[in-house]
Protein backbone atom coordinates (compact mmCIF):
# COMPACT_ATOMS: atom_id res chain seq x y z
CA UNK A 1 -229.63 -76.83 -62.15
CA UNK A 2 -227.92 -73.95 -60.31
CA UNK A 3 -227.04 -71.76 -63.29
CA UNK A 4 -230.31 -69.89 -63.91
CA UNK A 5 -229.45 -66.27 -64.72
CA UNK A 6 -225.71 -66.73 -64.18
CA UNK A 7 -223.40 -64.88 -66.59
CA UNK A 8 -221.70 -68.18 -67.57
CA UNK A 9 -224.91 -70.19 -67.90
CA UNK A 10 -224.86 -70.70 -71.67
CA UNK A 11 -221.20 -71.76 -71.73
CA UNK A 12 -221.50 -74.18 -68.82
CA UNK A 13 -224.69 -75.70 -70.20
CA UNK A 14 -223.02 -76.21 -73.57
CA UNK A 15 -220.08 -77.93 -71.89
CA UNK A 16 -222.52 -80.14 -69.97
CA UNK A 17 -224.18 -81.22 -73.24
CA UNK A 18 -220.78 -82.64 -74.21
CA UNK A 19 -220.29 -84.28 -70.78
CA UNK A 20 -217.68 -81.69 -69.76
CA UNK A 21 -218.02 -80.50 -66.20
CA UNK A 22 -218.70 -81.93 -62.79
CA UNK A 23 -221.00 -84.82 -61.97
CA UNK A 24 -224.00 -84.40 -59.71
CA UNK A 25 -226.13 -81.84 -61.53
CA UNK A 26 -224.68 -78.78 -59.79
CA UNK A 27 -222.01 -76.49 -61.17
CA UNK A 28 -221.62 -74.39 -58.01
CA UNK A 29 -220.41 -71.64 -60.35
CA UNK A 30 -219.32 -69.04 -57.80
CA UNK A 31 -217.61 -71.46 -55.44
CA UNK A 32 -213.83 -71.15 -55.14
CA UNK A 33 -212.09 -73.50 -57.55
CA UNK A 34 -210.08 -76.18 -55.79
CA UNK A 35 -207.24 -78.14 -57.26
CA UNK A 36 -209.40 -81.28 -57.27
CA UNK A 37 -212.29 -79.44 -58.98
CA UNK A 38 -209.95 -78.35 -61.75
CA UNK A 39 -208.35 -81.77 -62.21
CA UNK A 40 -211.83 -83.28 -62.58
CA UNK A 41 -212.98 -80.56 -65.01
CA UNK A 42 -209.94 -80.98 -67.25
CA UNK A 43 -210.23 -84.77 -67.13
CA UNK A 44 -213.88 -84.47 -68.20
CA UNK A 45 -212.76 -82.50 -71.25
CA UNK A 46 -210.72 -85.56 -72.23
CA UNK A 47 -213.77 -87.79 -71.82
CA UNK A 48 -213.17 -89.06 -68.29
CA UNK A 49 -216.10 -88.88 -65.86
CA UNK A 50 -214.58 -89.05 -62.39
CA UNK A 51 -216.86 -89.78 -59.44
CA UNK A 52 -214.81 -90.21 -56.30
CA UNK A 53 -217.97 -90.75 -54.23
CA UNK A 54 -218.72 -93.83 -56.33
CA UNK A 55 -215.25 -95.26 -55.76
CA UNK A 56 -213.31 -93.93 -58.73
CA UNK A 57 -209.59 -94.00 -58.04
CA UNK A 58 -208.06 -90.69 -57.02
CA UNK A 59 -204.61 -92.15 -57.75
CA UNK A 60 -205.68 -92.55 -61.38
CA UNK A 61 -206.73 -88.89 -61.41
CA UNK A 62 -203.35 -87.84 -59.97
CA UNK A 63 -201.58 -89.92 -62.58
CA UNK A 64 -203.66 -88.33 -65.34
CA UNK A 65 -202.97 -84.83 -63.99
CA UNK A 66 -199.22 -85.50 -63.75
CA UNK A 67 -199.07 -86.93 -67.29
CA UNK A 68 -200.93 -83.93 -68.72
CA UNK A 69 -198.81 -81.37 -66.85
CA UNK A 70 -201.78 -80.15 -64.84
CA UNK A 71 -200.01 -80.98 -61.57
CA UNK A 72 -196.47 -81.46 -60.41
CA UNK A 73 -195.51 -84.15 -57.93
CA UNK A 74 -195.32 -81.43 -55.23
CA UNK A 75 -198.99 -80.53 -55.84
CA UNK A 76 -200.26 -84.07 -55.36
CA UNK A 77 -202.68 -84.46 -52.46
CA UNK A 78 -203.56 -80.78 -52.07
CA UNK A 79 -207.09 -81.47 -53.26
CA UNK A 80 -209.04 -78.91 -51.24
CA UNK A 81 -206.60 -76.07 -51.85
CA UNK A 82 -208.24 -73.15 -53.66
CA UNK A 83 -206.22 -72.09 -56.68
CA UNK A 84 -205.56 -68.60 -57.94
CA UNK A 85 -206.43 -67.27 -61.34
CA UNK A 86 -202.76 -67.40 -62.26
CA UNK A 87 -202.48 -71.05 -61.20
CA UNK A 88 -205.66 -71.87 -63.13
CA UNK A 89 -204.22 -70.42 -66.33
CA UNK A 90 -200.88 -72.17 -65.83
CA UNK A 91 -202.53 -75.54 -65.23
CA UNK A 92 -204.63 -75.29 -68.38
CA UNK A 93 -201.83 -74.02 -70.60
CA UNK A 94 -199.38 -76.61 -69.27
CA UNK A 95 -201.91 -79.35 -70.03
CA UNK A 96 -202.19 -78.03 -73.59
CA UNK A 97 -198.42 -77.98 -74.15
CA UNK A 98 -197.84 -74.22 -73.94
CA UNK A 99 -195.72 -74.43 -70.77
CA UNK A 100 -192.24 -74.49 -72.34
CA UNK A 101 -193.01 -71.41 -74.43
CA UNK A 102 -194.76 -69.58 -71.58
CA UNK A 103 -191.66 -70.04 -69.44
CA UNK A 104 -189.32 -68.28 -71.88
CA UNK A 105 -188.05 -65.25 -69.96
CA UNK A 106 -188.26 -61.66 -71.10
CA UNK A 107 -190.24 -62.02 -74.32
CA UNK A 108 -193.81 -61.47 -73.17
CA UNK A 109 -196.00 -58.53 -72.45
CA UNK A 110 -199.71 -58.32 -71.90
CA UNK A 111 -202.21 -55.52 -71.78
CA UNK A 112 -203.91 -56.22 -68.46
CA UNK A 113 -204.18 -53.10 -66.32
CA UNK A 114 -202.35 -54.92 -63.51
CA UNK A 115 -199.64 -56.46 -65.73
CA UNK A 116 -196.95 -55.11 -63.40
CA UNK A 117 -198.48 -57.17 -60.56
CA UNK A 118 -198.21 -60.44 -62.47
CA UNK A 119 -195.20 -62.39 -61.13
CA UNK A 120 -192.46 -62.73 -63.74
CA UNK A 121 -192.76 -66.56 -63.96
CA UNK A 122 -196.49 -66.18 -64.72
CA UNK A 123 -196.30 -63.34 -67.25
CA UNK A 124 -195.85 -65.63 -70.25
CA UNK A 125 -198.89 -67.65 -69.25
CA UNK A 126 -201.01 -64.51 -68.82
CA UNK A 127 -199.83 -63.15 -72.16
CA UNK A 128 -200.54 -66.39 -74.02
CA UNK A 129 -203.98 -66.71 -72.40
CA UNK A 130 -204.78 -63.13 -73.37
CA UNK A 131 -203.49 -63.70 -76.90
CA UNK A 132 -205.60 -66.84 -77.28
CA UNK A 133 -208.63 -64.88 -76.06
CA UNK A 134 -209.35 -67.29 -73.22
CA UNK A 135 -208.79 -64.82 -70.38
CA UNK A 136 -210.34 -61.41 -70.32
CA UNK A 137 -209.68 -58.78 -67.71
CA UNK A 138 -212.18 -58.01 -65.00
CA UNK A 139 -214.34 -54.87 -65.17
CA UNK A 140 -211.20 -52.80 -64.56
CA UNK A 141 -209.07 -54.71 -67.08
CA UNK A 142 -207.14 -56.61 -64.39
CA UNK A 143 -205.85 -60.16 -64.66
CA UNK A 144 -205.96 -60.40 -60.83
CA UNK A 145 -203.31 -63.15 -60.63
CA UNK A 146 -203.56 -63.71 -56.87
CA UNK A 147 -207.35 -63.76 -56.58
CA UNK A 148 -208.87 -67.18 -56.08
CA UNK A 149 -210.54 -68.51 -59.22
CA UNK A 150 -214.14 -69.68 -59.30
CA UNK A 151 -215.53 -72.82 -60.84
CA UNK A 152 -217.39 -70.81 -63.49
CA UNK A 153 -214.21 -68.94 -64.47
CA UNK A 154 -212.41 -72.25 -64.99
CA UNK A 155 -215.22 -73.76 -67.03
CA UNK A 156 -215.70 -70.56 -69.04
CA UNK A 157 -211.98 -70.36 -69.85
CA UNK A 158 -212.02 -74.00 -70.97
CA UNK A 159 -215.15 -73.34 -73.05
CA UNK A 160 -213.46 -70.36 -74.74
CA UNK A 161 -210.44 -72.51 -75.58
CA UNK A 162 -212.60 -75.32 -76.93
CA UNK A 163 -214.60 -72.87 -79.08
CA UNK A 164 -211.46 -71.60 -80.83
């Protein structure tokens, strides 16, 4: 009920109709996306409704995230850590199986205005996301790899992928 007039309202409401999103009736769209927020969002896209406040097992969520390539063992337990736009894209694309291709060195380019600022290990991910049409540049055409992602950006990117 906190999406009225938000630029991502239609997409987030459509996801919610399919039970994709966060429990509790609030999207908190402009809040920084945490690692835990993203794990729960991606799990919901696979049909899992996780409610840690009701006693759902966070270890199960970690196991799910590790199996899907969303997290690495080193990331486990960093729940409240805000994630960057670059990390958000990597987590989604790894969970979808694009990781091995995205990590091929020297074969990618992308047309973001700040492409030269994208770290080399992340360039393949940015290029694939741009090619799939799931990440658009900001008003200046920037990918902004180091900027913290928001919950609405994560949900909108997932919605774009699911609409393909």
